[in-house]
């Protein structure tokens, strides 16, 4: 139990920065939906950031997880592992920037942004630097410097938000009042491009802030790098397939329709409603930040499997609580986006459960990471990727973004089941399946009950849903979360 308390302590610290940061970024969603001229412009943001998510996985090529694996292995020198990893990421990120800018017109044309290659150029620089910064951030996690990690993340987010407000809110007001004051740098017609320019500023500040963390004694080891790549490259395939499962629908969406303007508008609606489910992603991400170093460190302990079982159980409990909380107050949360986007709210519960299974899958993935059988992770993700591609191509043109959401959910459910089955074969862990099934069934029942109350008045409906949510907490506290859990 002590290990679980430590895990949840780190999760709380990482989670606080993640929750605050994601919440602040979340606040940009209503800002964008109310500020940008049309939903199609937010569709541009959704699409390009989906590409960014894919490329950053390619540019880190599994080395973040590889770093944790090798830095925790007995006999390995932490400085040598860190120095070697930094050297590798520096080379690949620099090469990517060089080639990306050299072939910028062709890349922009391929993506359908011939008229705005500068959008693509900015994203190339952003993802290259972000990929490099993953390793210094991983080093902070390894050193258990959670507060420093959180502070730097919040600094980056703060700069991004400030620059967004400056370019999209303050500058238009100055331009309407005294345009000559900002005419030397501000172009009103640049529009959505300022979203990406703001990110350029925040990425640059983050890079500069991390430079002290990168100042380590040069200790490159070619043999070690080969071993790390042998371990990490299967994770690259896993990562590509995994991010395709999350982002392929947004990358391909507009290409599945003849009416590009309508498709971009629908993508904007889908992307905005997807953001409402970000609370579940925040929890999953915070858990991941703490869990990955935890499992590699805990792998040396005698009670390791007991800790993994407890971690899975409590993750599922808290994830279902978040699901119920978001859906029971969706009538309020929906106003974070413009009413123009509300037609897409139907995807929110689907996306929430999708994120839940994504977290369960990540918990299960420890078996192939600890047994060095990362190729199995790649195989599982490729199966999910194939399902995602086929499902989107077949069903999205017919049913729109709702089909995209359902495809993602089915994909992660299938991957979870396959990983659990293989894990029991190669690294058996007796997860508390009875608890998982109980809380899943209870949550779905309470969700159906809460969303179908015969109450018209919003205030009374929210009160009734709050009581239902309270009942869920009472069950958890009485069954699986005694007060002794919180002591010390």
Foldseek 3Di string as FASTA:
>chain_A
DVLLLVLVVLLVLLLVLLVVLLVLVLLVLQVCQVQFPALLLLLVVLQLVLVLLLVLLLLLLQLLLLLLQQCLDPPHPNLQSLLQSLVSSVVSLVVQLVVCVVCLCVVCVVLPNNVCSVLVNLSSNLSSLVSSVSSLLSVCLLVVVSNVSSVLSNQLSVQLSVQCCCQRPVLVVCCVVPVVVCVVPHDPVCGSSSNSVSNSVSSVVSSVVSVVSNPGPNNYDPVVVVVSSLLRNLVSLLSSLVSCLVRVCSNCQLVLDPPNSVSSSLSSLQSSLLSLLCVLVSSLVSSVSSVSSSLSNCVPPPCNLVSLQVSLLVLLLVLLLVLLVSLLCVVPSVVSHDPVSVVNNVLNSLSSLLSSLVSLLVSLVVLCSVVSVSNVSSVLSVVLSVQLVVQSNPPCSPPNVSSNSNSSSVSSVSSSVVSQVVCCVRPNRPHPVVSSVVSVVLSVVLSVPLVPDPDDDSVVSSVVSVVSSVVSVVCCCVPPNDPVSPDD
